[in-house]
Amino acid sequence: MNKRKSKRIRRPGRRIWPKILLLIFLAFIWYESDRYFYVRHLECYTQFGSCPEKITNDVSWLIDYPLLKPLPIKKVREQLAGLSEIKSVNLYRRLPQTLVLSVALRKPIGLVGSQVLGMHVIADEEGVIIGQSDVSNLPLLMDDTSPKMGDKLDVNKLLSLHILGRLSPLSASRVIGKLSGSDLTAYLSGNTQVVVNLSHLAPNWYTTLQVILDRSKILTKIPRIIDLRFSSPIVTF
C-alpha cells in the first residue's frame, strides 16, 4: 500500500501578523517616547561651578528639544563661539528630561597692559585674551600694545606671564613684569627686582631664587636686584 504523505499548508497570514503587530508596537513606543523624552531641565556647569547667566540665556532655546534626536552640539558651539572665555562645549543627555551643558572656561593667568592706564586685558594659560579688568590680584605684564578680545600673545609674553605667576607666591604684593627683548624684569614686594633671560632660562632658576630669598631673610638683608641671567646669579643689595 502506498502511504500518502500529508502536506501541511501554511497560511501566509500566520507569519505576517506577528511582524505587523511588532511594528505597530514599536511605532507606538517611538511615538510615546518622542512625546515624553524632551528637555524639561537644562543644566549648565563649568569647572568653577554653575555657568554664568549670559551662557544659559544664549542656549535657553534647548528647552523642549527632543532628547532622542541627535543633539545640536554644532549649533550650540557656533552660538557660543563669540564668548572668548569659553574653551570647549559638550552636551550630555540625562534621561528622561534633562540636558546637561558642560562648558570648559579658560583659566586666567595674568594681565597685560600699560601700568599708567587702569584697564588691562586678561590672558589665559594659552595666551588667549579673554576679557578686560581694571582691578585684579593677577600678575601684570607691562606692555604698550593693546591686545583685543580673542587675540593671542606671542611666545615671549606668554612665557613671561607664566614666570610672573610662579613668582607671585614669593611676593606680598602684585608681581609686575617688564619685558625688554628676551630679558624679563619682575618687580616683587620690598623693591626687589628679579631678572631672567627667556632664551636661556636655567631649569633650576626658581629653586636658586628661593635659596637667595631665604638666605636674605636670615641675614635680614633685602636684595635690590637678583640677576639670574648668568650661570652664577648676581645679587645686589
C-alpha atoms as a PDB file:
ATOM      1  CA  MET A   1       0.000   0.000   0.000  1.00  0.00           C
ATOM      2  CA  ASN A   2       1.202   3.478  -0.856  1.00  0.00           C
ATOM      3  CA  LYS A   3       1.260   5.793   2.002  1.00  0.00           C
ATOM      4  CA  ARG A   4       0.245   9.253   1.126  1.00  0.00           C
ATOM      5  CA  LYS A   5       2.271  11.947   2.705  1.00  0.00           C
ATOM      6  CA  SER A   6       0.165  14.636   4.129  1.00  0.00           C
ATOM      7  CA  LYS A   7       1.367  18.156   3.450  1.00  0.00           C
ATOM      8  CA  ARG A   8       0.621  20.956   5.792  1.00  0.00           C
ATOM      9  CA  ILE A   9      -0.498  24.095   4.103  1.00  0.00           C
ATOM     10  CA  ARG A  10       0.945  27.146   5.791  1.00  0.00           C
ATOM     11  CA  ARG A  11      -1.083  30.235   5.549  1.00  0.00           C
ATOM     12  CA  PRO A  12       0.970  33.416   4.901  1.00  0.00           C
ATOM     13  CA  GLY A  13      -1.040  35.378   7.408  1.00  0.00           C
ATOM     14  CA  ARG A  14       0.335  33.395  10.327  1.00  0.00           C
ATOM     15  CA  ARG A  15       3.844  34.727   9.698  1.00  0.00           C
ATOM     16  CA  ILE A  16       2.929  38.280   8.704  1.00  0.00           C
ATOM     17  CA  TRP A  17       0.658  39.207  11.601  1.00  0.00           C
ATOM     18  CA  PRO A  18       3.323  38.952  14.371  1.00  0.00           C
ATOM     19  CA  LYS A  19       5.567  41.259  12.354  1.00  0.00           C
ATOM     20  CA  ILE A  20       2.749  43.722  11.799  1.00  0.00           C
ATOM     21  CA  LEU A  21       1.880  43.728  15.489  1.00  0.00           C
ATOM     22  CA  LEU A  22       5.563  44.204  16.389  1.00  0.00           C
ATOM     23  CA  LEU A  23       5.846  47.172  14.024  1.00  0.00           C
ATOM     24  CA  ILE A  24       2.710  48.727  15.473  1.00  0.00           C
ATOM     25  CA  PHE A  25       4.057  48.253  18.983  1.00  0.00           C
ATOM     26  CA  LEU A  26       7.425  49.787  18.100  1.00  0.00           C
ATOM     27  CA  ALA A  27       5.748  52.720  16.364  1.00  0.00           C
ATOM     28  CA  PHE A  28       3.598  53.302  19.452  1.00  0.00           C
ATOM     29  CA  ILE A  29       6.671  53.191  21.733  1.00  0.00           C
ATOM     30  CA  TRP A  30       8.538  55.612  19.475  1.00  0.00           C
ATOM     31  CA  TYR A  31       5.569  57.987  19.338  1.00  0.00           C
ATOM     32  CA  GLU A  32       5.112  57.976  23.086  1.00  0.00           C
ATOM     33  CA  SER A  33       8.854  58.271  23.809  1.00  0.00           C
ATOM     34  CA  ASP A  34       9.206  61.176  21.404  1.00  0.00           C
ATOM     35  CA  ARG A  35       6.452  62.940  23.334  1.00  0.00           C
ATOM     36  CA  TYR A  36       7.991  62.155  26.709  1.00  0.00           C
ATOM     37  CA  PHE A  37      11.786  62.369  26.253  1.00  0.00           C
ATOM     38  CA  TYR A  38      12.217  66.070  25.631  1.00  0.00           C
ATOM     39  CA  VAL A  39      14.219  68.709  27.512  1.00  0.00           C
ATOM     40  CA  ARG A  40      12.395  69.992  30.554  1.00  0.00           C
ATOM     41  CA  HIS A  41      15.512  70.768  32.617  1.00  0.00           C
ATOM     42  CA  LEU A  42      18.632  72.433  31.234  1.00  0.00           C
ATOM     43  CA  GLU A  43      21.697  72.262  33.484  1.00  0.00           C
ATOM     44  CA  CYS A  44      24.911  74.126  32.696  1.00  0.00           C
ATOM     45  CA  TYR A  45      28.208  73.652  34.534  1.00  0.00           C
ATOM     46  CA  THR A  46      31.806  74.840  34.257  1.00  0.00           C
ATOM     47  CA  GLN A  47      34.888  73.625  36.129  1.00  0.00           C
ATOM     48  CA  PHE A  48      34.278  76.503  38.550  1.00  0.00           C
ATOM     49  CA  GLY A  49      30.588  75.819  39.215  1.00  0.00           C
ATOM     50  CA  SER A  50      27.364  76.872  37.519  1.00  0.00           C
ATOM     51  CA  CYS A  51      27.546  78.649  34.161  1.00  0.00           C
ATOM     52  CA  PRO A  52      27.326  82.444  34.005  1.00  0.00           C
ATOM     53  CA  GLU A  53      23.853  83.730  33.207  1.00  0.00           C
ATOM     54  CA  LYS A  54      24.883  85.005  29.765  1.00  0.00           C
ATOM     55  CA  ILE A  55      25.701  81.434  28.684  1.00  0.00           C
ATOM     56  CA  THR A  56      22.470  79.879  29.963  1.00  0.00           C
ATOM     57  CA  ASN A  57      20.428  82.651  28.340  1.00  0.00           C
ATOM     58  CA  ASP A  58      22.058  82.014  24.958  1.00  0.00           C
ATOM     59  CA  VAL A  59      21.113  78.330  24.996  1.00  0.00           C
ATOM     60  CA  SER A  60      17.654  78.631  26.564  1.00  0.00           C
ATOM     61  CA  TRP A  61      16.160  77.568  23.212  1.00  0.00           C
ATOM     62  CA  LEU A  62      17.208  73.990  24.057  1.00  0.00           C
ATOM     63  CA  ILE A  63      14.167  73.689  26.336  1.00  0.00           C
ATOM     64  CA  ASP A  64      11.613  71.327  24.716  1.00  0.00           C
ATOM     65  CA  TYR A  65      14.259  69.868  22.382  1.00  0.00           C
ATOM     66  CA  PRO A  66      13.616  66.105  21.772  1.00  0.00           C
ATOM     67  CA  LEU A  67      16.277  64.154  23.618  1.00  0.00           C
ATOM     68  CA  LEU A  68      16.093  61.133  21.317  1.00  0.00           C
ATOM     69  CA  LYS A  69      17.148  63.197  18.332  1.00  0.00           C
ATOM     70  CA  PRO A  70      20.845  63.927  17.619  1.00  0.00           C
ATOM     71  CA  LEU A  71      22.000  66.676  19.960  1.00  0.00           C
ATOM     72  CA  PRO A  72      22.639  70.040  18.231  1.00  0.00           C
ATOM     73  CA  ILE A  73      26.203  70.382  19.525  1.00  0.00           C
ATOM     74  CA  LYS A  74      27.439  72.097  16.350  1.00  0.00           C
ATOM     75  CA  LYS A  75      24.773  74.790  16.581  1.00  0.00           C
ATOM     76  CA  VAL A  76      25.476  75.358  20.286  1.00  0.00           C
ATOM     77  CA  ARG A  77      29.224  75.721  19.680  1.00  0.00           C
ATOM     78  CA  GLU A  78      28.631  78.165  16.837  1.00  0.00           C
ATOM     79  CA  GLN A  79      26.277  80.197  19.004  1.00  0.00           C
ATOM     80  CA  LEU A  80      28.772  80.428  21.882  1.00  0.00           C
ATOM     81  CA  ALA A  81      31.821  80.990  19.663  1.00  0.00           C
ATOM     82  CA  GLY A  82      31.631  84.726  20.311  1.00  0.00           C
ATOM     83  CA  LEU A  83      32.445  84.239  24.015  1.00  0.00           C
ATOM     84  CA  SER A  84      36.244  84.122  24.045  1.00  0.00           C
ATOM     85  CA  GLU A  85      36.348  82.899  27.655  1.00  0.00           C
ATOM     86  CA  ILE A  86      34.883  79.543  26.550  1.00  0.00           C
ATOM     87  CA  LYS A  87      37.448  76.863  25.662  1.00  0.00           C
ATOM     88  CA  SER A  88      35.137  73.935  24.814  1.00  0.00           C
ATOM     89  CA  VAL A  89      31.464  72.900  24.997  1.00  0.00           C
ATOM     90  CA  ASN A  90      29.781  69.488  25.183  1.00  0.00           C
ATOM     91  CA  LEU A  91      26.209  68.230  25.565  1.00  0.00           C
ATOM     92  CA  TYR A  92      25.044  65.184  27.539  1.00  0.00           C
ATOM     93  CA  ARG A  93      21.642  63.530  27.963  1.00  0.00           C
ATOM     94  CA  ARG A  94      20.302  62.652  31.369  1.00  0.00           C
ATOM     95  CA  LEU A  95      17.108  60.813  30.615  1.00  0.00           C
ATOM     96  CA  PRO A  96      14.255  61.205  30.805  1.00  0.00           C
ATOM     97  CA  GLN A  97      14.068  65.023  30.579  1.00  0.00           C
ATOM     98  CA  THR A  98      17.419  66.673  31.417  1.00  0.00           C
ATOM     99  CA  LEU A  99      20.088  68.065  29.103  1.00  0.00           C
ATOM    100  CA  VAL A 100      23.491  68.889  30.593  1.00  0.00           C
ATOM    101  CA  LEU A 101      25.704  71.556  29.050  1.00  0.00           C
ATOM    102  CA  SER A 102      29.362  71.112  30.037  1.00  0.00           C
ATOM    103  CA  VAL A 103      31.468  74.240  29.461  1.00  0.00           C
ATOM    104  CA  ALA A 104      35.234  74.444  29.955  1.00  0.00           C
ATOM    105  CA  LEU A 105      36.255  78.022  30.676  1.00  0.00           C
ATOM    106  CA  ARG A 106      39.710  79.376  30.017  1.00  0.00           C
ATOM    107  CA  LYS A 107      41.793  79.906  33.167  1.00  0.00           C
ATOM    108  CA  PRO A 108      43.172  83.462  33.552  1.00  0.00           C
ATOM    109  CA  ILE A 109      46.866  83.592  34.494  1.00  0.00           C
ATOM    110  CA  GLY A 110      47.695  87.277  34.223  1.00  0.00           C
ATOM    111  CA  LEU A 111      47.031  90.766  32.919  1.00  0.00           C
ATOM    112  CA  VAL A 112      48.666  92.634  30.065  1.00  0.00           C
ATOM    113  CA  GLY A 113      48.640  96.387  29.597  1.00  0.00           C
ATOM    114  CA  SER A 114      50.113  99.740  30.482  1.00  0.00           C
ATOM    115  CA  GLN A 115      50.830 100.481  34.141  1.00  0.00           C
ATOM    116  CA  VAL A 116      49.582 104.030  33.636  1.00  0.00           C
ATOM    117  CA  LEU A 117      46.147 103.114  32.296  1.00  0.00           C
ATOM    118  CA  GLY A 118      43.695 101.435  34.634  1.00  0.00           C
ATOM    119  CA  MET A 119      42.187  98.898  32.228  1.00  0.00           C
ATOM    120  CA  HIS A 120      44.143  95.743  31.362  1.00  0.00           C
ATOM    121  CA  VAL A 121      43.332  92.667  29.281  1.00  0.00           C
ATOM    122  CA  ILE A 122      43.189  89.179  30.805  1.00  0.00           C
ATOM    123  CA  ALA A 123      45.166  86.327  29.230  1.00  0.00           C
ATOM    124  CA  ASP A 124      44.621  82.601  29.792  1.00  0.00           C
ATOM    125  CA  GLU A 125      47.158  79.759  30.019  1.00  0.00           C
ATOM    126  CA  GLU A 126      47.378  79.597  26.214  1.00  0.00           C
ATOM    127  CA  GLY A 127      47.855  83.336  25.797  1.00  0.00           C
ATOM    128  CA  VAL A 128      44.320  83.989  24.523  1.00  0.00           C
ATOM    129  CA  ILE A 129      42.832  87.351  25.531  1.00  0.00           C
ATOM    130  CA  ILE A 130      39.543  86.557  27.257  1.00  0.00           C
ATOM    131  CA  GLY A 131      38.408  89.853  28.768  1.00  0.00           C
ATOM    132  CA  GLN A 132      39.267  93.145  30.438  1.00  0.00           C
ATOM    133  CA  SER A 133      39.820  94.084  34.061  1.00  0.00           C
ATOM    134  CA  ASP A 134      40.746  97.246  35.945  1.00  0.00           C
ATOM    135  CA  VAL A 135      41.320  95.551  39.315  1.00  0.00           C
ATOM    136  CA  SER A 136      42.929  92.159  39.870  1.00  0.00           C
ATOM    137  CA  ASN A 137      45.474  90.346  42.023  1.00  0.00           C
ATOM    138  CA  LEU A 138      46.826  88.557  38.974  1.00  0.00           C
ATOM    139  CA  PRO A 139      50.400  89.395  37.874  1.00  0.00           C
ATOM    140  CA  LEU A 140      50.710  92.242  35.394  1.00  0.00           C
ATOM    141  CA  LEU A 141      52.974  92.321  32.344  1.00  0.00           C
ATOM    142  CA  MET A 142      53.528  95.917  31.308  1.00  0.00           C
ATOM    143  CA  ASP A 143      53.029  96.376  27.578  1.00  0.00           C
ATOM    144  CA  ASP A 144      52.228  99.416  25.462  1.00  0.00           C
ATOM    145  CA  THR A 145      50.280  97.408  22.884  1.00  0.00           C
ATOM    146  CA  SER A 146      46.528  96.895  23.178  1.00  0.00           C
ATOM    147  CA  PRO A 147      45.567  93.255  22.501  1.00  0.00           C
ATOM    148  CA  LYS A 148      41.911  92.718  21.659  1.00  0.00           C
ATOM    149  CA  MET A 149      39.444  90.033  22.667  1.00  0.00           C
ATOM    150  CA  GLY A 150      40.381  86.726  21.050  1.00  0.00           C
ATOM    151  CA  ASP A 151      43.941  87.805  20.203  1.00  0.00           C
ATOM    152  CA  LYS A 152      46.824  85.545  21.235  1.00  0.00           C
ATOM    153  CA  LEU A 153      50.045  86.673  22.903  1.00  0.00           C
ATOM    154  CA  ASP A 154      53.398  85.860  21.360  1.00  0.00           C
ATOM    155  CA  VAL A 155      55.647  83.207  22.877  1.00  0.00           C
ATOM    156  CA  ASN A 156      57.796  85.562  24.990  1.00  0.00           C
ATOM    157  CA  LYS A 157      54.833  87.402  26.507  1.00  0.00           C
ATOM    158  CA  LEU A 158      53.058  84.150  27.337  1.00  0.00           C
ATOM    159  CA  LEU A 159      56.205  82.711  28.933  1.00  0.00           C
ATOM    160  CA  SER A 160      56.623  85.956  30.879  1.00  0.00           C
ATOM    161  CA  LEU A 161      53.128  85.628  32.343  1.00  0.00           C
ATOM    162  CA  HIS A 162      53.816  82.038  33.403  1.00  0.00           C
ATOM    163  CA  ILE A 163      57.050  83.141  35.120  1.00  0.00           C
ATOM    164  CA  LEU A 164      55.307  86.042  36.860  1.00  0.00           C
ATOM    165  CA  GLY A 165      52.667  83.591  38.056  1.00  0.00           C
ATOM    166  CA  ARG A 166      55.355  81.392  39.641  1.00  0.00           C
ATOM    167  CA  LEU A 167      56.831  84.443  41.357  1.00  0.00           C
ATOM    168  CA  SER A 168      53.502  85.563  42.825  1.00  0.00           C
ATOM    169  CA  PRO A 169      53.699  83.353  45.978  1.00  0.00           C
ATOM    170  CA  LEU A 170      57.085  84.942  46.760  1.00  0.00           C
ATOM    171  CA  SER A 171      55.672  88.465  46.852  1.00  0.00           C
ATOM    172  CA  ALA A 172      53.295  90.077  49.330  1.00  0.00           C
ATOM    173  CA  SER A 173      52.039  92.450  46.634  1.00  0.00           C
ATOM    174  CA  ARG A 174      51.140  92.040  42.975  1.00  0.00           C
ATOM    175  CA  VAL A 175      54.076  90.990  40.803  1.00  0.00           C
ATOM    176  CA  ILE A 176      54.680  93.347  37.886  1.00  0.00           C
ATOM    177  CA  GLY A 177      56.895  92.431  34.947  1.00  0.00           C
ATOM    178  CA  LYS A 178      58.567  94.373  32.166  1.00  0.00           C
ATOM    179  CA  LEU A 179      59.845  92.685  29.012  1.00  0.00           C
ATOM    180  CA  SER A 180      62.785  94.088  27.048  1.00  0.00           C
ATOM    181  CA  GLY A 181      63.775  91.816  24.180  1.00  0.00           C
ATOM    182  CA  SER A 182      64.231  88.431  25.818  1.00  0.00           C
ATOM    183  CA  ASP A 183      65.020  89.889  29.267  1.00  0.00           C
ATOM    184  CA  LEU A 184      62.194  89.895  31.800  1.00  0.00           C
ATOM    185  CA  THR A 185      62.402  92.053  34.928  1.00  0.00           C
ATOM    186  CA  ALA A 186      59.923  91.162  37.669  1.00  0.00           C
ATOM    187  CA  TYR A 187      59.206  93.599  40.498  1.00  0.00           C
ATOM    188  CA  LEU A 188      58.413  91.907  43.817  1.00  0.00           C
ATOM    189  CA  SER A 189      57.419  93.404  47.146  1.00  0.00           C
ATOM    190  CA  GLY A 190      60.193  95.112  49.090  1.00  0.00           C
ATOM    191  CA  ASN A 191      61.540  96.784  45.920  1.00  0.00           C
ATOM    192  CA  THR A 192      63.235  93.558  44.847  1.00  0.00           C
ATOM    193  CA  GLN A 193      63.835  93.041  41.133  1.00  0.00           C
ATOM    194  CA  VAL A 194      64.339  89.599  39.582  1.00  0.00           C
ATOM    195  CA  VAL A 195      65.882  89.485  36.117  1.00  0.00           C
ATOM    196  CA  VAL A 196      65.801  86.406  33.861  1.00  0.00           C
ATOM    197  CA  ASN A 197      66.551  85.745  30.207  1.00  0.00           C
ATOM    198  CA  LEU A 198      63.744  83.910  28.439  1.00  0.00           C
ATOM    199  CA  SER A 199      66.071  82.480  25.783  1.00  0.00           C
ATOM    200  CA  HIS A 200      68.480  80.996  28.354  1.00  0.00           C
ATOM    201  CA  LEU A 201      66.277  80.187  31.322  1.00  0.00           C
ATOM    202  CA  ALA A 202      68.059  77.756  33.641  1.00  0.00           C
ATOM    203  CA  PRO A 203      65.966  74.734  34.697  1.00  0.00           C
ATOM    204  CA  ASN A 204      66.681  75.409  38.393  1.00  0.00           C
ATOM    205  CA  TRP A 205      66.182  79.192  38.295  1.00  0.00           C
ATOM    206  CA  TYR A 206      63.201  79.103  40.657  1.00  0.00           C
ATOM    207  CA  THR A 207      64.971  76.926  43.259  1.00  0.00           C
ATOM    208  CA  THR A 208      68.008  79.209  43.099  1.00  0.00           C
ATOM    209  CA  LEU A 209      65.811  82.247  43.651  1.00  0.00           C
ATOM    210  CA  GLN A 210      64.118  80.650  46.665  1.00  0.00           C
ATOM    211  CA  VAL A 211      67.526  79.894  48.263  1.00  0.00           C
ATOM    212  CA  ILE A 212      68.664  83.503  47.751  1.00  0.00           C
ATOM    213  CA  LEU A 213      65.457  84.925  49.273  1.00  0.00           C
ATOM    214  CA  ASP A 214      65.580  82.523  52.228  1.00  0.00           C
ATOM    215  CA  ARG A 215      69.191  83.486  52.985  1.00  0.00           C
ATOM    216  CA  SER A 216      68.355  87.174  52.737  1.00  0.00           C
ATOM    217  CA  LYS A 217      65.654  86.725  55.380  1.00  0.00           C
ATOM    218  CA  ILE A 218      68.158  85.085  57.718  1.00  0.00           C
ATOM    219  CA  LEU A 219      70.662  87.901  57.133  1.00  0.00           C
ATOM    220  CA  THR A 220      67.851  90.487  57.307  1.00  0.00           C
ATOM    221  CA  LYS A 221      69.093  91.967  54.057  1.00  0.00           C
ATOM    222  CA  ILE A 222      66.591  92.527  51.281  1.00  0.00           C
ATOM    223  CA  PRO A 223      68.160  92.126  47.808  1.00  0.00           C
ATOM    224  CA  ARG A 224      67.576  95.030  45.463  1.00  0.00           C
ATOM    225  CA  ILE A 225      68.392  93.097  42.267  1.00  0.00           C
ATOM    226  CA  ILE A 226      68.664  89.327  41.731  1.00  0.00           C
ATOM    227  CA  ASP A 227      70.081  88.726  38.264  1.00  0.00           C
ATOM    228  CA  LEU A 228      69.576  85.124  37.110  1.00  0.00           C
ATOM    229  CA  ARG A 229      70.727  85.590  33.521  1.00  0.00           C
ATOM    230  CA  PHE A 230      74.134  84.069  34.128  1.00  0.00           C
ATOM    231  CA  SER A 231      75.451  80.689  35.305  1.00  0.00           C
ATOM    232  CA  SER A 232      76.134  82.245  38.724  1.00  0.00           C
ATOM    233  CA  PRO A 233      73.427  84.622  39.978  1.00  0.00           C
ATOM    234  CA  ILE A 234      74.396  88.207  40.777  1.00  0.00           C
ATOM    235  CA  VAL A 235      72.781  89.653  43.895  1.00  0.00           C
ATOM    236  CA  THR A 236      72.868  93.381  44.559  1.00  0.00           C
ATOM    237  CA  PHE A 237      71.825  94.842  47.921  1.00  0.00           C
END
